[in-house]
C-alpha cells in the first residue's frame, strides 16, 4: 500500500497515512484517462453555433443582371456566398457533441489519475483544512508551506471559507470531493487533499 505523509496546514508532518492500493496504487491506464478527458471537454461544448446558408438568407430572389451580354460574370442571386450579405458555405448548425464513456472506464481513469499523483509525489494529505473566516493571506501561507503553485485543493465537503480564501489566487482551484474529475486532477501540478476527502474517495472507488 502506498504510504504518504500526513501534514497540518502549517506544513509540518504529523504522521503517515496509508492509501488504499485499489485506488492510489493501480496500474496507470493512459488510454482510459485520455478517453475520459476527451469526453469531459466535448460534453462542455454547447453546440449552439449557427449561421445561415444561401437558402436561409433573406433577399436575392431576383437575378441581378441578365445572363449574357453585360461583360460581367454570370450571377443567379445576390445571396450566393461570394456576395457581401450572402450565405455561408457549409454553415455551422446546432449539434450535439456529447460523448458517452462506460462507467468502468470512468472509474479506471479516476484511479489512474489519483495513482499518477502518488507516483509523481504530487499529493499532499492534510489533517484538516478550515478557516474561521475567508482569508486569502492564510491560504497563501498554506500554499507556500508546500511550495504549491498550480494546485487543486480537495475538501470532504463544500467549504465556503476555504473556497473564498482561494478564489483570488491565480492557478488555484478548490473543489469538494464529489466534484473532482480526471481533467482537473491531470491539469493541476499538485493535489492538496484533506484526510476526510481521501476516506470518501476510498469508500467510492475501493
N, C-alpha and C. Protein backbone atom coordinates (compact mmCIF):
# COMPACT_ATOMS: atom_id res chain seq x y z
N UNK A 1 0.83 -1.20 0.00
CA UNK A 1 0.00 0.00 0.00
C UNK A 1 0.87 1.25 0.00
N UNK A 2 0.50 2.25 -0.81
CA UNK A 2 1.28 3.49 -0.80
C UNK A 2 1.14 4.22 0.53
N UNK A 3 2.24 4.73 1.02
CA UNK A 3 2.23 5.48 2.28
C UNK A 3 2.74 6.90 1.98
N UNK A 4 1.96 7.90 2.37
CA UNK A 4 2.37 9.30 2.17
C UNK A 4 2.29 10.02 3.51
N UNK A 5 2.95 11.16 3.58
CA UNK A 5 2.96 11.94 4.82
C UNK A 5 1.62 12.61 5.08
N UNK A 6 1.31 12.76 6.35
CA UNK A 6 0.11 13.49 6.78
C UNK A 6 0.58 14.80 7.41
N UNK A 7 0.08 15.93 6.91
CA UNK A 7 0.57 17.23 7.33
C UNK A 7 -0.55 18.08 7.94
N UNK A 8 -0.13 19.06 8.76
CA UNK A 8 -1.10 20.08 9.18
C UNK A 8 -0.98 21.25 8.20
N UNK A 9 -1.84 22.23 8.32
CA UNK A 9 -1.86 23.31 7.32
C UNK A 9 -0.67 24.27 7.44
N UNK A 10 0.12 24.12 8.52
CA UNK A 10 1.35 24.91 8.64
C UNK A 10 2.50 24.26 7.87
N UNK A 11 2.27 23.05 7.34
CA UNK A 11 3.30 22.37 6.56
C UNK A 11 4.15 21.41 7.36
N UNK A 12 3.78 21.17 8.63
CA UNK A 12 4.56 20.26 9.48
C UNK A 12 3.98 18.85 9.40
N UNK A 13 4.86 17.87 9.28
CA UNK A 13 4.42 16.48 9.20
C UNK A 13 3.98 15.99 10.57
N UNK A 14 2.77 15.42 10.63
CA UNK A 14 2.24 14.94 11.91
C UNK A 14 2.12 13.42 11.93
N UNK A 15 2.48 12.77 10.84
CA UNK A 15 2.39 11.31 10.79
C UNK A 15 2.37 10.83 9.35
N UNK A 16 1.96 9.58 9.18
CA UNK A 16 1.84 8.98 7.85
C UNK A 16 0.43 8.46 7.67
N UNK A 17 0.04 8.31 6.41
CA UNK A 17 -1.28 7.75 6.11
C UNK A 17 -1.13 6.71 5.01
N UNK A 18 -1.77 5.57 5.23
CA UNK A 18 -1.75 4.51 4.24
C UNK A 18 -2.90 4.71 3.27
N UNK A 19 -2.60 4.73 1.99
CA UNK A 19 -3.63 4.89 0.96
C UNK A 19 -4.02 3.53 0.41
N UNK A 20 -5.27 3.41 0.03
CA UNK A 20 -5.77 2.13 -0.48
C UNK A 20 -5.13 1.79 -1.82
N UNK A 21 -4.61 0.57 -1.89
CA UNK A 21 -3.92 0.10 -3.10
C UNK A 21 -4.84 0.05 -4.30
N UNK A 22 -6.13 -0.20 -4.08
CA UNK A 22 -7.08 -0.34 -5.18
C UNK A 22 -7.49 1.00 -5.77
N UNK A 23 -7.07 2.09 -5.13
CA UNK A 23 -7.43 3.42 -5.62
C UNK A 23 -6.19 4.22 -5.98
N UNK A 24 -5.19 4.21 -5.09
CA UNK A 24 -3.99 5.04 -5.28
C UNK A 24 -2.77 4.24 -5.71
N UNK A 25 -2.96 2.93 -6.00
CA UNK A 25 -1.82 2.11 -6.39
C UNK A 25 -2.12 1.18 -7.54
N UNK A 26 -2.98 1.62 -8.46
CA UNK A 26 -3.35 0.76 -9.60
C UNK A 26 -2.36 0.96 -10.74
N UNK A 27 -2.46 0.09 -11.74
CA UNK A 27 -1.64 0.26 -12.94
C UNK A 27 -2.24 1.40 -13.76
N UNK A 28 -1.44 2.39 -14.05
CA UNK A 28 -1.94 3.60 -14.74
C UNK A 28 -2.33 3.26 -16.18
N UNK A 29 -3.55 3.63 -16.54
CA UNK A 29 -4.06 3.39 -17.90
C UNK A 29 -4.20 4.72 -18.63
N UNK A 30 -3.21 5.02 -19.46
CA UNK A 30 -3.19 6.30 -20.19
C UNK A 30 -4.37 6.43 -21.15
N UNK A 31 -4.72 5.32 -21.79
CA UNK A 31 -5.81 5.35 -22.77
C UNK A 31 -7.14 5.74 -22.10
N UNK A 32 -7.41 5.14 -20.94
CA UNK A 32 -8.67 5.44 -20.23
C UNK A 32 -8.72 6.91 -19.84
N UNK A 33 -7.61 7.43 -19.32
CA UNK A 33 -7.57 8.84 -18.93
C UNK A 33 -7.80 9.75 -20.13
N UNK A 34 -7.18 9.40 -21.25
CA UNK A 34 -7.34 10.21 -22.46
C UNK A 34 -8.80 10.22 -22.92
N UNK A 35 -9.42 9.05 -22.94
CA UNK A 35 -10.80 8.96 -23.41
C UNK A 35 -11.75 9.78 -22.51
N UNK A 36 -11.52 9.71 -21.21
CA UNK A 36 -12.39 10.43 -20.27
C UNK A 36 -12.20 11.93 -20.39
N UNK A 37 -10.95 12.38 -20.56
CA UNK A 37 -10.68 13.81 -20.71
C UNK A 37 -11.32 14.34 -22.00
N UNK A 38 -11.19 13.59 -23.09
CA UNK A 38 -11.81 13.99 -24.36
C UNK A 38 -13.32 14.11 -24.19
N UNK A 39 -13.93 13.14 -23.49
CA UNK A 39 -15.38 13.17 -23.27
C UNK A 39 -15.79 14.37 -22.41
N UNK A 40 -15.01 14.64 -21.34
CA UNK A 40 -15.33 15.77 -20.46
C UNK A 40 -15.30 17.09 -21.21
N UNK A 41 -14.28 17.27 -22.03
CA UNK A 41 -14.16 18.53 -22.78
C UNK A 41 -15.23 18.63 -23.87
N UNK A 42 -15.54 17.51 -24.50
CA UNK A 42 -16.58 17.52 -25.53
C UNK A 42 -17.94 17.82 -24.92
N UNK A 43 -18.20 17.28 -23.74
CA UNK A 43 -19.50 17.46 -23.10
C UNK A 43 -19.70 18.88 -22.57
N UNK A 44 -18.61 19.64 -22.47
CA UNK A 44 -18.72 21.04 -22.05
C UNK A 44 -19.16 21.94 -23.21
N UNK A 45 -19.04 21.44 -24.43
CA UNK A 45 -19.38 22.27 -25.60
C UNK A 45 -20.89 22.41 -25.70
N UNK A 46 -21.34 23.63 -25.95
CA UNK A 46 -22.77 23.87 -26.03
C UNK A 46 -23.36 23.43 -27.37
N UNK A 47 -22.59 23.57 -28.43
CA UNK A 47 -23.08 23.17 -29.75
C UNK A 47 -24.22 24.03 -30.24
N UNK A 48 -24.26 25.31 -29.86
CA UNK A 48 -25.36 26.19 -30.26
C UNK A 48 -24.99 27.12 -31.42
N UNK A 49 -23.78 26.96 -31.98
CA UNK A 49 -23.37 27.86 -33.07
C UNK A 49 -24.26 27.64 -34.28
N UNK A 50 -24.57 28.73 -34.97
CA UNK A 50 -25.46 28.62 -36.13
C UNK A 50 -25.21 29.78 -37.08
N UNK A 51 -25.22 29.48 -38.38
CA UNK A 51 -25.10 30.52 -39.41
C UNK A 51 -26.05 30.15 -40.55
N UNK A 52 -26.36 31.12 -41.39
CA UNK A 52 -27.34 30.90 -42.46
C UNK A 52 -26.67 30.51 -43.78
N UNK A 53 -27.24 29.53 -44.43
CA UNK A 53 -26.80 29.18 -45.77
C UNK A 53 -27.47 30.13 -46.77
N UNK A 54 -27.13 29.99 -48.04
CA UNK A 54 -27.72 30.88 -49.06
C UNK A 54 -29.23 30.68 -49.16
N UNK A 55 -29.70 29.52 -48.78
CA UNK A 55 -31.14 29.25 -48.85
C UNK A 55 -31.90 29.97 -47.73
N UNK A 56 -31.18 30.34 -46.66
CA UNK A 56 -31.84 30.92 -45.49
C UNK A 56 -31.70 32.43 -45.38
N UNK A 57 -30.75 33.01 -46.12
CA UNK A 57 -30.56 34.46 -46.07
C UNK A 57 -31.70 35.13 -46.82
N UNK A 58 -32.27 36.18 -46.23
CA UNK A 58 -33.39 36.85 -46.88
C UNK A 58 -32.93 37.67 -48.09
N UNK A 59 -33.79 37.75 -49.11
CA UNK A 59 -33.46 38.52 -50.30
C UNK A 59 -32.85 37.65 -51.38
N UNK A 60 -32.39 38.31 -52.44
CA UNK A 60 -31.68 37.61 -53.51
C UNK A 60 -32.55 36.77 -54.42
N UNK A 61 -33.85 37.05 -54.43
CA UNK A 61 -34.73 36.22 -55.24
C UNK A 61 -34.65 36.51 -56.72
N UNK A 62 -34.22 37.71 -57.06
CA UNK A 62 -34.17 38.08 -58.48
C UNK A 62 -32.75 37.96 -59.01
N UNK A 63 -32.65 37.59 -60.27
CA UNK A 63 -31.32 37.51 -60.90
C UNK A 63 -30.79 38.94 -61.06
N UNK A 64 -29.57 39.21 -60.56
CA UNK A 64 -29.10 40.61 -60.52
C UNK A 64 -28.93 41.26 -61.90
N UNK A 65 -28.53 40.52 -62.92
CA UNK A 65 -28.47 41.04 -64.29
C UNK A 65 -28.63 39.86 -65.26
N UNK A 66 -28.85 40.23 -66.51
CA UNK A 66 -29.11 39.16 -67.48
C UNK A 66 -27.89 38.27 -67.66
N UNK A 67 -28.13 37.08 -68.18
CA UNK A 67 -27.10 36.06 -68.25
C UNK A 67 -25.95 36.46 -69.17
N UNK A 68 -26.26 37.01 -70.34
CA UNK A 68 -25.22 37.25 -71.34
C UNK A 68 -25.23 38.73 -71.78
N UNK A 69 -24.10 39.13 -72.26
CA UNK A 69 -24.04 40.43 -72.93
C UNK A 69 -23.60 41.60 -72.07
N UNK A 70 -23.41 41.40 -70.76
CA UNK A 70 -23.03 42.54 -69.91
C UNK A 70 -21.52 42.63 -69.73
N UNK A 71 -20.80 41.57 -70.03
CA UNK A 71 -19.35 41.56 -69.82
C UNK A 71 -18.96 41.16 -68.40
N UNK A 72 -19.97 40.97 -67.55
CA UNK A 72 -19.68 40.55 -66.17
C UNK A 72 -19.93 39.06 -66.01
N UNK A 73 -19.40 38.53 -64.93
CA UNK A 73 -19.60 37.10 -64.65
C UNK A 73 -21.08 36.82 -64.41
N UNK A 74 -21.53 35.66 -64.83
CA UNK A 74 -22.95 35.32 -64.65
C UNK A 74 -23.27 35.13 -63.17
N UNK A 75 -24.39 35.65 -62.75
CA UNK A 75 -24.82 35.55 -61.35
C UNK A 75 -26.30 35.20 -61.31
N UNK A 76 -26.66 34.34 -60.37
CA UNK A 76 -28.06 33.95 -60.26
C UNK A 76 -28.75 34.58 -59.06
N UNK A 77 -27.94 35.02 -58.06
CA UNK A 77 -28.54 35.56 -56.84
C UNK A 77 -27.51 36.42 -56.12
N UNK A 78 -28.00 37.46 -55.44
CA UNK A 78 -27.09 38.31 -54.65
C UNK A 78 -26.84 37.71 -53.27
N UNK A 79 -27.39 36.54 -53.02
CA UNK A 79 -27.17 35.88 -51.73
C UNK A 79 -26.26 34.66 -51.85
N UNK A 80 -25.57 34.53 -53.00
CA UNK A 80 -24.56 33.49 -53.15
C UNK A 80 -23.39 33.81 -52.22
N UNK A 81 -22.61 32.80 -51.79
CA UNK A 81 -21.55 33.02 -50.79
C UNK A 81 -20.51 34.08 -51.16
N UNK A 82 -20.27 34.29 -52.46
CA UNK A 82 -19.22 35.26 -52.83
C UNK A 82 -19.67 36.71 -52.71
N UNK A 83 -20.97 36.92 -52.47
CA UNK A 83 -21.51 38.28 -52.33
C UNK A 83 -21.47 38.72 -50.87
N UNK A 84 -21.29 40.05 -50.67
CA UNK A 84 -21.47 40.63 -49.34
C UNK A 84 -22.94 40.42 -48.96
N UNK A 85 -23.18 40.05 -47.73
CA UNK A 85 -24.50 39.70 -47.22
C UNK A 85 -25.01 38.37 -47.78
N UNK A 86 -24.12 37.63 -48.45
CA UNK A 86 -24.53 36.32 -48.97
C UNK A 86 -24.52 35.27 -47.88
N UNK A 87 -24.94 34.06 -48.22
CA UNK A 87 -24.97 32.96 -47.26
C UNK A 87 -23.58 32.42 -46.97
N UNK A 88 -23.47 31.57 -45.95
CA UNK A 88 -22.21 30.95 -45.56
C UNK A 88 -22.12 29.56 -46.18
N UNK A 89 -20.95 29.26 -46.78
CA UNK A 89 -20.74 27.92 -47.32
C UNK A 89 -20.58 26.93 -46.17
N UNK A 90 -21.27 25.80 -46.22
CA UNK A 90 -21.21 24.78 -45.16
C UNK A 90 -21.43 25.41 -43.79
N UNK A 91 -22.47 26.20 -43.68
CA UNK A 91 -22.75 26.96 -42.44
C UNK A 91 -22.87 26.02 -41.24
N UNK A 92 -22.22 26.35 -40.11
CA UNK A 92 -22.36 25.52 -38.90
C UNK A 92 -23.79 25.56 -38.39
N UNK A 93 -24.27 24.44 -37.91
CA UNK A 93 -25.62 24.33 -37.38
C UNK A 93 -25.57 23.72 -35.98
N UNK A 94 -26.58 23.96 -35.14
CA UNK A 94 -26.59 23.36 -33.80
C UNK A 94 -26.43 21.85 -33.87
N UNK A 95 -25.58 21.32 -33.00
CA UNK A 95 -25.34 19.87 -32.99
C UNK A 95 -24.97 19.43 -31.59
N UNK A 96 -25.04 18.15 -31.35
CA UNK A 96 -24.74 17.56 -30.04
C UNK A 96 -23.33 16.98 -30.07
N UNK A 97 -22.49 17.43 -29.13
CA UNK A 97 -21.10 16.96 -29.07
C UNK A 97 -20.89 15.87 -28.01
N UNK A 98 -21.95 15.51 -27.29
CA UNK A 98 -21.83 14.61 -26.15
C UNK A 98 -21.19 13.28 -26.52
N UNK A 99 -20.23 12.86 -25.68
CA UNK A 99 -19.56 11.57 -25.84
C UNK A 99 -19.86 10.73 -24.61
N UNK A 100 -20.23 9.50 -24.82
CA UNK A 100 -20.55 8.61 -23.70
C UNK A 100 -19.35 7.71 -23.41
N UNK A 101 -19.01 7.59 -22.13
CA UNK A 101 -17.90 6.74 -21.71
C UNK A 101 -18.44 5.73 -20.69
N UNK A 102 -18.09 4.46 -20.83
CA UNK A 102 -18.57 3.45 -19.88
C UNK A 102 -18.15 3.75 -18.44
N UNK A 103 -18.98 3.37 -17.50
CA UNK A 103 -18.72 3.64 -16.09
C UNK A 103 -17.40 3.00 -15.64
N UNK A 104 -17.12 1.79 -16.12
CA UNK A 104 -15.88 1.11 -15.71
C UNK A 104 -14.65 1.88 -16.18
N UNK A 105 -14.74 2.48 -17.36
CA UNK A 105 -13.62 3.27 -17.88
C UNK A 105 -13.45 4.56 -17.07
N UNK A 106 -14.58 5.18 -16.68
CA UNK A 106 -14.50 6.40 -15.86
C UNK A 106 -13.84 6.11 -14.52
N UNK A 107 -14.21 4.99 -13.91
CA UNK A 107 -13.62 4.61 -12.62
C UNK A 107 -12.12 4.32 -12.77
N UNK A 108 -11.76 3.60 -13.84
CA UNK A 108 -10.36 3.28 -14.08
C UNK A 108 -9.54 4.54 -14.32
N UNK A 109 -10.11 5.48 -15.06
CA UNK A 109 -9.42 6.75 -15.34
C UNK A 109 -9.20 7.54 -14.06
N UNK A 110 -10.21 7.58 -13.19
CA UNK A 110 -10.07 8.31 -11.92
C UNK A 110 -8.98 7.68 -11.05
N UNK A 111 -8.99 6.35 -10.94
CA UNK A 111 -7.95 5.66 -10.15
C UNK A 111 -6.57 5.90 -10.75
N UNK A 112 -6.48 5.88 -12.08
CA UNK A 112 -5.19 6.10 -12.75
C UNK A 112 -4.67 7.51 -12.48
N UNK A 113 -5.59 8.49 -12.51
CA UNK A 113 -5.19 9.88 -12.27
C UNK A 113 -4.70 10.06 -10.82
N UNK A 114 -5.41 9.44 -9.87
CA UNK A 114 -5.01 9.53 -8.46
C UNK A 114 -3.67 8.83 -8.23
N UNK A 115 -3.49 7.68 -8.88
CA UNK A 115 -2.23 6.95 -8.77
C UNK A 115 -1.08 7.77 -9.33
N UNK A 116 -1.33 8.47 -10.44
CA UNK A 116 -0.31 9.32 -11.06
C UNK A 116 0.19 10.38 -10.08
N UNK A 117 -0.73 10.95 -9.30
CA UNK A 117 -0.33 11.96 -8.32
C UNK A 117 0.58 11.36 -7.24
N UNK A 118 0.27 10.13 -6.83
CA UNK A 118 1.10 9.47 -5.82
C UNK A 118 2.47 9.14 -6.39
N UNK A 119 2.49 8.58 -7.60
CA UNK A 119 3.75 8.19 -8.26
C UNK A 119 4.65 9.40 -8.48
N UNK A 120 4.03 10.52 -8.87
CA UNK A 120 4.80 11.75 -9.13
C UNK A 120 5.12 12.54 -7.86
N UNK A 121 4.70 12.01 -6.70
CA UNK A 121 4.92 12.69 -5.42
C UNK A 121 4.29 14.09 -5.44
N UNK A 122 3.10 14.18 -6.05
CA UNK A 122 2.42 15.46 -6.20
C UNK A 122 1.16 15.56 -5.34
N UNK A 123 1.04 14.68 -4.36
CA UNK A 123 -0.14 14.69 -3.49
C UNK A 123 0.27 15.07 -2.07
N UNK A 124 -0.52 15.94 -1.47
CA UNK A 124 -0.30 16.34 -0.07
C UNK A 124 -1.60 16.07 0.68
N UNK A 125 -1.53 15.24 1.72
CA UNK A 125 -2.71 14.94 2.53
C UNK A 125 -2.65 15.77 3.80
N UNK A 126 -3.71 16.56 4.02
CA UNK A 126 -3.78 17.43 5.20
C UNK A 126 -4.65 16.79 6.27
N UNK A 127 -4.24 16.99 7.50
CA UNK A 127 -5.02 16.50 8.64
C UNK A 127 -6.42 17.15 8.61
N UNK A 128 -6.45 18.44 8.34
CA UNK A 128 -7.71 19.18 8.17
C UNK A 128 -7.38 20.52 7.52
N UNK A 129 -8.41 21.12 6.94
CA UNK A 129 -8.24 22.43 6.32
C UNK A 129 -9.50 23.24 6.56
N UNK A 130 -9.39 24.21 7.47
CA UNK A 130 -10.55 25.02 7.80
C UNK A 130 -10.08 26.40 8.25
N UNK A 131 -10.84 27.42 7.89
CA UNK A 131 -10.55 28.78 8.31
C UNK A 131 -11.76 29.34 9.04
N UNK A 132 -11.51 30.15 10.05
CA UNK A 132 -12.61 30.77 10.80
C UNK A 132 -13.38 31.76 9.93
N UNK A 133 -12.66 32.38 9.01
CA UNK A 133 -13.27 33.34 8.08
C UNK A 133 -12.45 33.32 6.79
N UNK A 134 -13.03 33.78 5.68
CA UNK A 134 -12.26 33.81 4.44
C UNK A 134 -11.02 34.70 4.55
N UNK A 135 -9.84 34.11 4.39
CA UNK A 135 -8.58 34.86 4.49
C UNK A 135 -7.63 34.38 3.39
N UNK A 136 -7.49 35.19 2.36
CA UNK A 136 -6.58 34.83 1.27
C UNK A 136 -5.15 34.70 1.77
N UNK A 137 -4.78 35.56 2.73
CA UNK A 137 -3.41 35.54 3.28
C UNK A 137 -3.11 34.19 3.92
N UNK A 138 -4.08 33.63 4.64
CA UNK A 138 -3.88 32.32 5.28
C UNK A 138 -3.72 31.22 4.23
N UNK A 139 -4.52 31.29 3.17
CA UNK A 139 -4.41 30.29 2.11
C UNK A 139 -3.06 30.38 1.41
N UNK A 140 -2.59 31.59 1.19
CA UNK A 140 -1.27 31.79 0.57
C UNK A 140 -0.18 31.16 1.42
N UNK A 141 -0.27 31.30 2.75
CA UNK A 141 0.75 30.72 3.63
C UNK A 141 0.70 29.19 3.60
N UNK A 142 -0.51 28.62 3.45
CA UNK A 142 -0.64 27.16 3.32
C UNK A 142 0.04 26.68 2.04
N UNK A 143 -0.21 27.39 0.96
CA UNK A 143 0.39 27.01 -0.33
C UNK A 143 1.91 27.16 -0.31
N UNK A 144 2.39 28.22 0.36
CA UNK A 144 3.84 28.43 0.46
C UNK A 144 4.51 27.32 1.26
N UNK A 145 3.81 26.84 2.27
CA UNK A 145 4.36 25.77 3.11
C UNK A 145 4.65 24.51 2.31
N UNK A 146 3.88 24.30 1.25
CA UNK A 146 4.06 23.10 0.43
C UNK A 146 4.63 23.42 -0.96
N UNK A 147 5.10 24.66 -1.15
CA UNK A 147 5.65 25.12 -2.42
C UNK A 147 4.70 24.79 -3.57
N UNK A 148 3.43 25.07 -3.34
CA UNK A 148 2.38 24.75 -4.32
C UNK A 148 2.01 25.98 -5.12
N UNK A 149 1.97 25.83 -6.42
CA UNK A 149 1.58 26.95 -7.30
C UNK A 149 0.29 26.60 -8.03
N UNK A 150 0.40 25.78 -9.07
CA UNK A 150 -0.80 25.36 -9.81
C UNK A 150 -1.40 24.17 -9.07
N UNK A 151 -2.40 24.45 -8.23
CA UNK A 151 -2.84 23.47 -7.24
C UNK A 151 -4.35 23.26 -7.24
N UNK A 152 -4.72 21.99 -7.07
CA UNK A 152 -6.12 21.63 -6.85
C UNK A 152 -6.27 21.25 -5.38
N UNK A 153 -7.17 21.95 -4.68
CA UNK A 153 -7.43 21.68 -3.26
C UNK A 153 -8.78 20.96 -3.16
N UNK A 154 -8.77 19.79 -2.54
CA UNK A 154 -9.98 18.98 -2.44
C UNK A 154 -10.38 18.84 -0.97
N UNK A 155 -11.62 19.22 -0.67
CA UNK A 155 -12.14 19.10 0.69
C UNK A 155 -13.26 18.04 0.73
N UNK A 156 -13.54 17.54 1.92
CA UNK A 156 -14.55 16.49 2.06
C UNK A 156 -15.95 17.03 1.75
N UNK A 157 -16.20 18.27 2.18
CA UNK A 157 -17.50 18.92 1.94
C UNK A 157 -17.25 20.30 1.32
N UNK A 158 -18.29 20.87 0.75
CA UNK A 158 -18.17 22.25 0.24
C UNK A 158 -17.89 23.18 1.42
N UNK A 159 -16.77 23.88 1.37
CA UNK A 159 -16.34 24.75 2.46
C UNK A 159 -16.21 26.18 1.93
N UNK A 160 -17.16 27.03 2.31
CA UNK A 160 -17.22 28.38 1.76
C UNK A 160 -16.00 29.22 2.14
N UNK A 161 -15.53 29.08 3.38
CA UNK A 161 -14.37 29.87 3.82
C UNK A 161 -13.12 29.50 3.05
N UNK A 162 -12.92 28.20 2.83
CA UNK A 162 -11.76 27.74 2.06
C UNK A 162 -11.87 28.20 0.61
N UNK A 163 -13.08 28.06 0.05
CA UNK A 163 -13.29 28.46 -1.34
C UNK A 163 -13.02 29.95 -1.55
N UNK A 164 -13.57 30.78 -0.65
CA UNK A 164 -13.39 32.22 -0.79
C UNK A 164 -11.94 32.64 -0.53
N UNK A 165 -11.24 31.88 0.31
CA UNK A 165 -9.84 32.21 0.60
C UNK A 165 -8.94 31.97 -0.60
N UNK A 166 -9.37 31.06 -1.51
CA UNK A 166 -8.51 30.67 -2.63
C UNK A 166 -8.95 31.25 -3.97
N UNK A 167 -10.16 31.82 -4.04
CA UNK A 167 -10.70 32.15 -5.36
C UNK A 167 -9.95 33.27 -6.07
N UNK A 168 -9.22 34.11 -5.33
CA UNK A 168 -8.46 35.19 -5.97
C UNK A 168 -7.00 34.83 -6.21
N UNK A 169 -6.64 33.59 -5.92
CA UNK A 169 -5.25 33.17 -6.13
C UNK A 169 -5.14 32.49 -7.49
N UNK A 170 -4.30 33.03 -8.32
CA UNK A 170 -4.17 32.50 -9.69
C UNK A 170 -3.62 31.07 -9.67
N UNK A 171 -4.25 30.20 -10.47
CA UNK A 171 -3.77 28.82 -10.60
C UNK A 171 -4.22 27.89 -9.50
N UNK A 172 -5.12 28.35 -8.62
CA UNK A 172 -5.59 27.51 -7.50
C UNK A 172 -7.10 27.34 -7.61
N UNK A 173 -7.56 26.10 -7.47
CA UNK A 173 -8.99 25.79 -7.51
C UNK A 173 -9.34 24.92 -6.32
N UNK A 174 -10.49 25.20 -5.71
CA UNK A 174 -10.99 24.41 -4.58
C UNK A 174 -12.25 23.67 -5.02
N UNK A 175 -12.28 22.37 -4.76
CA UNK A 175 -13.46 21.56 -5.12
C UNK A 175 -13.80 20.63 -3.96
N UNK A 176 -15.11 20.40 -3.71
CA UNK A 176 -15.49 19.33 -2.80
C UNK A 176 -15.21 17.99 -3.47
N UNK A 177 -15.01 16.95 -2.68
CA UNK A 177 -14.56 15.67 -3.22
C UNK A 177 -15.53 15.08 -4.24
N UNK A 178 -16.83 15.36 -4.11
CA UNK A 178 -17.79 14.78 -5.05
C UNK A 178 -17.82 15.52 -6.39
N UNK A 179 -17.01 16.59 -6.54
CA UNK A 179 -16.97 17.33 -7.81
C UNK A 179 -15.67 17.15 -8.57
N UNK A 180 -14.76 16.33 -8.06
CA UNK A 180 -13.48 16.19 -8.74
C UNK A 180 -13.65 15.36 -10.01
N UNK A 181 -12.78 15.62 -10.98
CA UNK A 181 -12.81 14.84 -12.22
C UNK A 181 -11.38 14.62 -12.71
N UNK A 182 -11.24 13.74 -13.68
CA UNK A 182 -9.93 13.34 -14.18
C UNK A 182 -9.20 14.53 -14.80
N UNK A 183 -9.93 15.36 -15.53
CA UNK A 183 -9.31 16.51 -16.21
C UNK A 183 -8.63 17.44 -15.21
N UNK A 184 -9.33 17.77 -14.11
CA UNK A 184 -8.75 18.67 -13.11
C UNK A 184 -7.56 18.02 -12.40
N UNK A 185 -7.65 16.74 -12.13
CA UNK A 185 -6.54 16.05 -11.46
C UNK A 185 -5.27 16.10 -12.31
N UNK A 186 -5.44 15.97 -13.63
CA UNK A 186 -4.27 15.96 -14.52
C UNK A 186 -3.79 17.37 -14.84
N UNK A 187 -4.72 18.34 -14.84
CA UNK A 187 -4.38 19.72 -15.22
C UNK A 187 -3.50 20.40 -14.18
N UNK A 188 -3.78 20.14 -12.90
CA UNK A 188 -3.03 20.82 -11.83
C UNK A 188 -1.78 20.02 -11.45
N UNK A 189 -0.72 20.76 -11.16
CA UNK A 189 0.56 20.11 -10.85
C UNK A 189 0.52 19.41 -9.49
N UNK A 190 -0.17 20.01 -8.53
CA UNK A 190 -0.18 19.45 -7.17
C UNK A 190 -1.61 19.26 -6.69
N UNK A 191 -1.80 18.20 -5.92
CA UNK A 191 -3.11 17.90 -5.33
C UNK A 191 -2.98 17.99 -3.81
N UNK A 192 -3.70 18.94 -3.21
CA UNK A 192 -3.77 19.05 -1.75
C UNK A 192 -5.15 18.56 -1.34
N UNK A 193 -5.19 17.51 -0.54
CA UNK A 193 -6.46 16.88 -0.21
C UNK A 193 -6.54 16.60 1.29
N UNK A 194 -7.71 16.77 1.87
CA UNK A 194 -7.86 16.52 3.30
C UNK A 194 -8.00 15.02 3.56
N UNK A 195 -7.69 14.63 4.79
CA UNK A 195 -7.78 13.22 5.18
C UNK A 195 -9.20 12.68 5.01
N UNK A 196 -10.19 13.50 5.37
CA UNK A 196 -11.59 13.07 5.24
C UNK A 196 -11.97 12.86 3.78
N UNK A 197 -11.43 13.68 2.89
CA UNK A 197 -11.71 13.54 1.46
C UNK A 197 -11.11 12.25 0.92
N UNK A 198 -9.92 11.90 1.40
CA UNK A 198 -9.28 10.63 1.00
C UNK A 198 -10.18 9.46 1.40
N UNK A 199 -10.71 9.51 2.61
CA UNK A 199 -11.59 8.44 3.09
C UNK A 199 -12.82 8.31 2.20
N UNK A 200 -13.40 9.44 1.80
CA UNK A 200 -14.59 9.41 0.94
C UNK A 200 -14.27 8.82 -0.43
N UNK A 201 -13.11 9.18 -0.98
CA UNK A 201 -12.71 8.64 -2.29
C UNK A 201 -12.54 7.14 -2.21
N UNK A 202 -11.90 6.68 -1.13
CA UNK A 202 -11.67 5.23 -0.97
C UNK A 202 -12.98 4.48 -0.77
N UNK A 203 -13.95 5.10 -0.12
CA UNK A 203 -15.26 4.46 0.06
C UNK A 203 -15.95 4.24 -1.29
N UNK A 204 -15.77 5.19 -2.21
CA UNK A 204 -16.46 5.11 -3.51
C UNK A 204 -15.71 4.22 -4.49
N UNK A 205 -14.38 4.33 -4.53
CA UNK A 205 -13.61 3.67 -5.60
C UNK A 205 -12.88 2.39 -5.18
N UNK A 206 -12.79 2.12 -3.90
CA UNK A 206 -12.01 0.93 -3.47
C UNK A 206 -12.72 -0.34 -3.88
